[in-house]
């Protein structure tokens, strides 16, 4: 005999999610409004400087590609 469905749809959903959490672990609940550390500020400044060395060009078909702003700069290659 088939297993009887217990509870409404939301209860069945929560039961299945509980089984998935046993496999994948709980969802990340870290705060998004935390203060930025000095190390993160330095890393962000470094990434922004690296980003400024590149330029995005668009082809007529709408696709894009990235080229160095200064073709003679070989620092990141």
N, C-alpha and C. Protein backbone atom coordinates (compact mmCIF):
# COMPACT_ATOMS: atom_id res chain seq x y z
N UNK A 1 0.84 -1.18 0.00
CA UNK A 1 0.00 0.00 0.00
C UNK A 1 0.88 1.24 0.00
N UNK A 2 0.52 2.26 -0.75
CA UNK A 2 1.32 3.48 -0.84
C UNK A 2 1.31 4.23 0.48
N UNK A 3 2.43 4.92 0.72
CA UNK A 3 2.53 5.71 1.96
C UNK A 3 1.57 6.89 1.87
N UNK A 4 0.82 7.10 2.95
CA UNK A 4 -0.15 8.17 2.95
C UNK A 4 0.54 9.52 3.08
N UNK A 5 0.01 10.50 2.40
CA UNK A 5 0.54 11.86 2.45
C UNK A 5 0.08 12.50 3.75
N UNK A 6 1.02 12.90 4.59
CA UNK A 6 0.66 13.54 5.86
C UNK A 6 0.93 15.03 5.77
N UNK A 7 -0.02 15.82 6.17
CA UNK A 7 0.14 17.27 6.19
C UNK A 7 -0.14 17.90 4.84
N UNK A 8 -0.10 19.21 4.86
CA UNK A 8 -0.37 19.94 3.62
C UNK A 8 0.93 20.10 2.82
N UNK A 9 0.85 20.80 1.70
CA UNK A 9 2.00 20.93 0.80
C UNK A 9 3.18 21.62 1.48
N UNK A 10 2.94 22.63 2.30
CA UNK A 10 4.05 23.33 2.95
C UNK A 10 4.76 22.42 3.96
N UNK A 11 4.02 21.57 4.64
CA UNK A 11 4.66 20.64 5.57
C UNK A 11 5.49 19.59 4.83
N UNK A 12 4.99 19.12 3.70
CA UNK A 12 5.77 18.16 2.90
C UNK A 12 7.04 18.82 2.37
N UNK A 13 6.91 20.08 1.93
CA UNK A 13 8.07 20.81 1.44
C UNK A 13 9.13 20.95 2.54
N UNK A 14 8.72 21.35 3.74
CA UNK A 14 9.65 21.53 4.85
C UNK A 14 10.30 20.19 5.22
N UNK A 15 9.57 19.10 5.14
CA UNK A 15 10.13 17.79 5.43
C UNK A 15 11.22 17.43 4.42
N UNK A 16 10.95 17.68 3.13
CA UNK A 16 11.96 17.41 2.09
C UNK A 16 13.17 18.32 2.25
N UNK A 17 12.96 19.57 2.60
CA UNK A 17 14.07 20.50 2.80
C UNK A 17 14.93 20.03 3.98
N UNK A 18 14.31 19.51 5.00
CA UNK A 18 15.05 18.99 6.15
C UNK A 18 15.96 17.85 5.73
N UNK A 19 15.48 16.99 4.84
CA UNK A 19 16.32 15.89 4.35
C UNK A 19 17.48 16.42 3.52
N UNK A 20 17.23 17.45 2.69
CA UNK A 20 18.31 18.03 1.90
C UNK A 20 19.36 18.72 2.79
N UNK A 21 18.90 19.37 3.86
CA UNK A 21 19.85 20.03 4.76
C UNK A 21 20.74 19.02 5.46
N UNK A 22 20.26 17.79 5.68
CA UNK A 22 21.11 16.76 6.27
C UNK A 22 22.26 16.43 5.32
N UNK A 23 22.01 16.52 4.03
CA UNK A 23 23.03 16.20 3.04
C UNK A 23 23.94 17.41 2.78
N UNK A 24 23.35 18.58 2.51
CA UNK A 24 24.11 19.74 2.09
C UNK A 24 24.47 20.70 3.22
N UNK A 25 23.90 20.52 4.37
CA UNK A 25 24.19 21.41 5.49
C UNK A 25 23.24 22.60 5.49
N UNK A 26 23.26 23.37 6.57
CA UNK A 26 22.34 24.51 6.68
C UNK A 26 22.75 25.65 5.76
N UNK A 27 21.82 26.54 5.50
CA UNK A 27 22.10 27.71 4.67
C UNK A 27 23.02 28.65 5.42
N UNK A 28 23.82 29.40 4.67
CA UNK A 28 24.72 30.38 5.27
C UNK A 28 23.90 31.55 5.80
N UNK A 29 24.12 31.92 7.05
CA UNK A 29 23.35 33.00 7.66
C UNK A 29 24.25 34.12 8.15
N UNK A 30 25.33 34.40 7.44
CA UNK A 30 26.23 35.46 7.87
C UNK A 30 25.61 36.82 7.61
N UNK A 31 26.00 37.79 8.40
CA UNK A 31 25.46 39.13 8.26
C UNK A 31 26.10 39.82 7.06
N UNK A 32 25.32 40.59 6.33
CA UNK A 32 25.84 41.32 5.19
C UNK A 32 26.28 42.72 5.57
N UNK A 33 25.88 43.20 6.72
CA UNK A 33 26.16 44.57 7.12
C UNK A 33 27.36 44.71 8.04
N UNK A 34 28.34 43.82 7.94
CA UNK A 34 29.49 43.89 8.84
C UNK A 34 30.52 44.90 8.33
N UNK A 35 31.39 45.34 9.22
CA UNK A 35 32.44 46.28 8.87
C UNK A 35 33.49 45.61 8.00
N UNK A 36 34.02 46.35 7.05
CA UNK A 36 35.06 45.83 6.18
C UNK A 36 36.40 45.91 6.91
N UNK A 37 37.14 44.82 6.90
CA UNK A 37 38.45 44.79 7.56
C UNK A 37 39.48 45.49 6.69
N UNK A 38 40.60 45.84 7.29
CA UNK A 38 41.68 46.50 6.56
C UNK A 38 42.20 45.60 5.44
N UNK A 39 42.30 44.31 5.72
CA UNK A 39 42.77 43.36 4.71
C UNK A 39 41.81 43.34 3.51
N UNK A 40 40.50 43.37 3.78
CA UNK A 40 39.52 43.38 2.69
C UNK A 40 39.58 44.69 1.91
N UNK A 41 39.83 45.81 2.59
CA UNK A 41 39.96 47.09 1.89
C UNK A 41 41.15 47.07 0.94
N UNK A 42 42.27 46.51 1.41
CA UNK A 42 43.46 46.43 0.56
C UNK A 42 43.21 45.53 -0.64
N UNK A 43 42.56 44.40 -0.41
CA UNK A 43 42.25 43.47 -1.50
C UNK A 43 41.31 44.12 -2.50
N UNK A 44 40.31 44.85 -2.03
CA UNK A 44 39.38 45.54 -2.92
C UNK A 44 40.12 46.58 -3.76
N UNK A 45 41.01 47.35 -3.14
CA UNK A 45 41.78 48.36 -3.88
C UNK A 45 42.66 47.70 -4.94
N UNK A 46 43.25 46.56 -4.60
CA UNK A 46 44.09 45.84 -5.55
C UNK A 46 43.25 45.35 -6.73
N UNK A 47 42.08 44.78 -6.46
CA UNK A 47 41.21 44.27 -7.52
C UNK A 47 40.71 45.41 -8.42
N UNK A 48 40.39 46.55 -7.81
CA UNK A 48 39.93 47.70 -8.61
C UNK A 48 41.04 48.20 -9.51
N UNK A 49 42.30 48.23 -9.00
CA UNK A 49 43.43 48.66 -9.82
C UNK A 49 43.65 47.69 -10.98
N UNK A 50 43.51 46.39 -10.72
CA UNK A 50 43.66 45.40 -11.79
C UNK A 50 42.56 45.57 -12.84
N UNK A 51 41.35 45.86 -12.39
CA UNK A 51 40.23 46.03 -13.31
C UNK A 51 40.42 47.24 -14.21
N UNK A 52 41.01 48.30 -13.69
CA UNK A 52 41.20 49.52 -14.47
C UNK A 52 42.20 49.33 -15.61
N UNK A 53 42.96 48.24 -15.60
CA UNK A 53 43.94 47.99 -16.65
C UNK A 53 43.30 47.37 -17.89
N UNK A 54 42.03 47.04 -17.83
CA UNK A 54 41.36 46.34 -18.93
C UNK A 54 40.20 47.15 -19.46
N UNK A 55 39.86 46.91 -20.70
CA UNK A 55 38.75 47.61 -21.35
C UNK A 55 37.87 46.56 -22.03
N UNK A 56 36.57 46.70 -21.90
CA UNK A 56 35.63 45.78 -22.53
C UNK A 56 35.15 46.38 -23.85
N UNK A 57 35.32 45.61 -24.93
CA UNK A 57 34.87 46.05 -26.25
C UNK A 57 33.69 45.19 -26.68
N UNK A 58 32.80 45.80 -27.45
CA UNK A 58 31.60 45.10 -27.91
C UNK A 58 31.67 44.92 -29.43
N UNK A 59 31.45 43.70 -29.86
CA UNK A 59 31.41 43.39 -31.29
C UNK A 59 30.03 43.77 -31.85
N UNK A 60 29.93 43.90 -33.18
CA UNK A 60 28.62 44.24 -33.79
C UNK A 60 27.52 43.23 -33.47
N UNK A 61 27.88 41.97 -33.21
CA UNK A 61 26.85 40.96 -32.91
C UNK A 61 26.39 41.02 -31.46
N UNK A 62 26.98 41.91 -30.66
CA UNK A 62 26.56 42.07 -29.27
C UNK A 62 27.46 41.37 -28.26
N UNK A 63 28.34 40.49 -28.71
CA UNK A 63 29.24 39.81 -27.78
C UNK A 63 30.34 40.78 -27.34
N UNK A 64 30.97 40.49 -26.22
CA UNK A 64 32.00 41.37 -25.68
C UNK A 64 33.29 40.59 -25.48
N UNK A 65 34.40 41.33 -25.44
CA UNK A 65 35.70 40.75 -25.11
C UNK A 65 36.53 41.80 -24.40
N UNK A 66 37.56 41.36 -23.71
CA UNK A 66 38.37 42.24 -22.88
C UNK A 66 39.75 42.37 -23.49
N UNK A 67 40.24 43.61 -23.56
CA UNK A 67 41.59 43.88 -24.07
C UNK A 67 42.29 44.81 -23.09
N UNK A 68 43.62 44.77 -23.05
CA UNK A 68 44.34 45.69 -22.16
C UNK A 68 44.17 47.14 -22.65
N UNK A 69 44.05 48.08 -21.73
CA UNK A 69 43.96 49.49 -22.09
C UNK A 69 45.27 49.96 -22.72
N UNK A 70 46.38 49.48 -22.18
CA UNK A 70 47.70 49.81 -22.69
C UNK A 70 48.32 48.54 -23.28
N UNK A 71 48.32 48.39 -24.60
CA UNK A 71 48.84 47.15 -25.20
C UNK A 71 50.29 46.86 -24.85
N UNK A 72 51.08 47.87 -24.49
CA UNK A 72 52.48 47.64 -24.15
C UNK A 72 52.68 47.15 -22.73
N UNK A 73 51.63 47.19 -21.89
CA UNK A 73 51.74 46.77 -20.48
C UNK A 73 51.69 45.26 -20.39
N UNK A 74 52.76 44.65 -19.90
CA UNK A 74 52.84 43.19 -19.78
C UNK A 74 52.80 42.74 -18.31
N UNK A 75 52.33 43.60 -17.39
CA UNK A 75 52.42 43.30 -15.97
C UNK A 75 51.53 42.14 -15.52
N UNK A 76 50.38 41.95 -16.15
CA UNK A 76 49.47 40.90 -15.72
C UNK A 76 49.51 39.68 -16.64
N UNK A 77 50.47 39.61 -17.51
CA UNK A 77 50.54 38.46 -18.43
C UNK A 77 51.71 37.59 -18.10
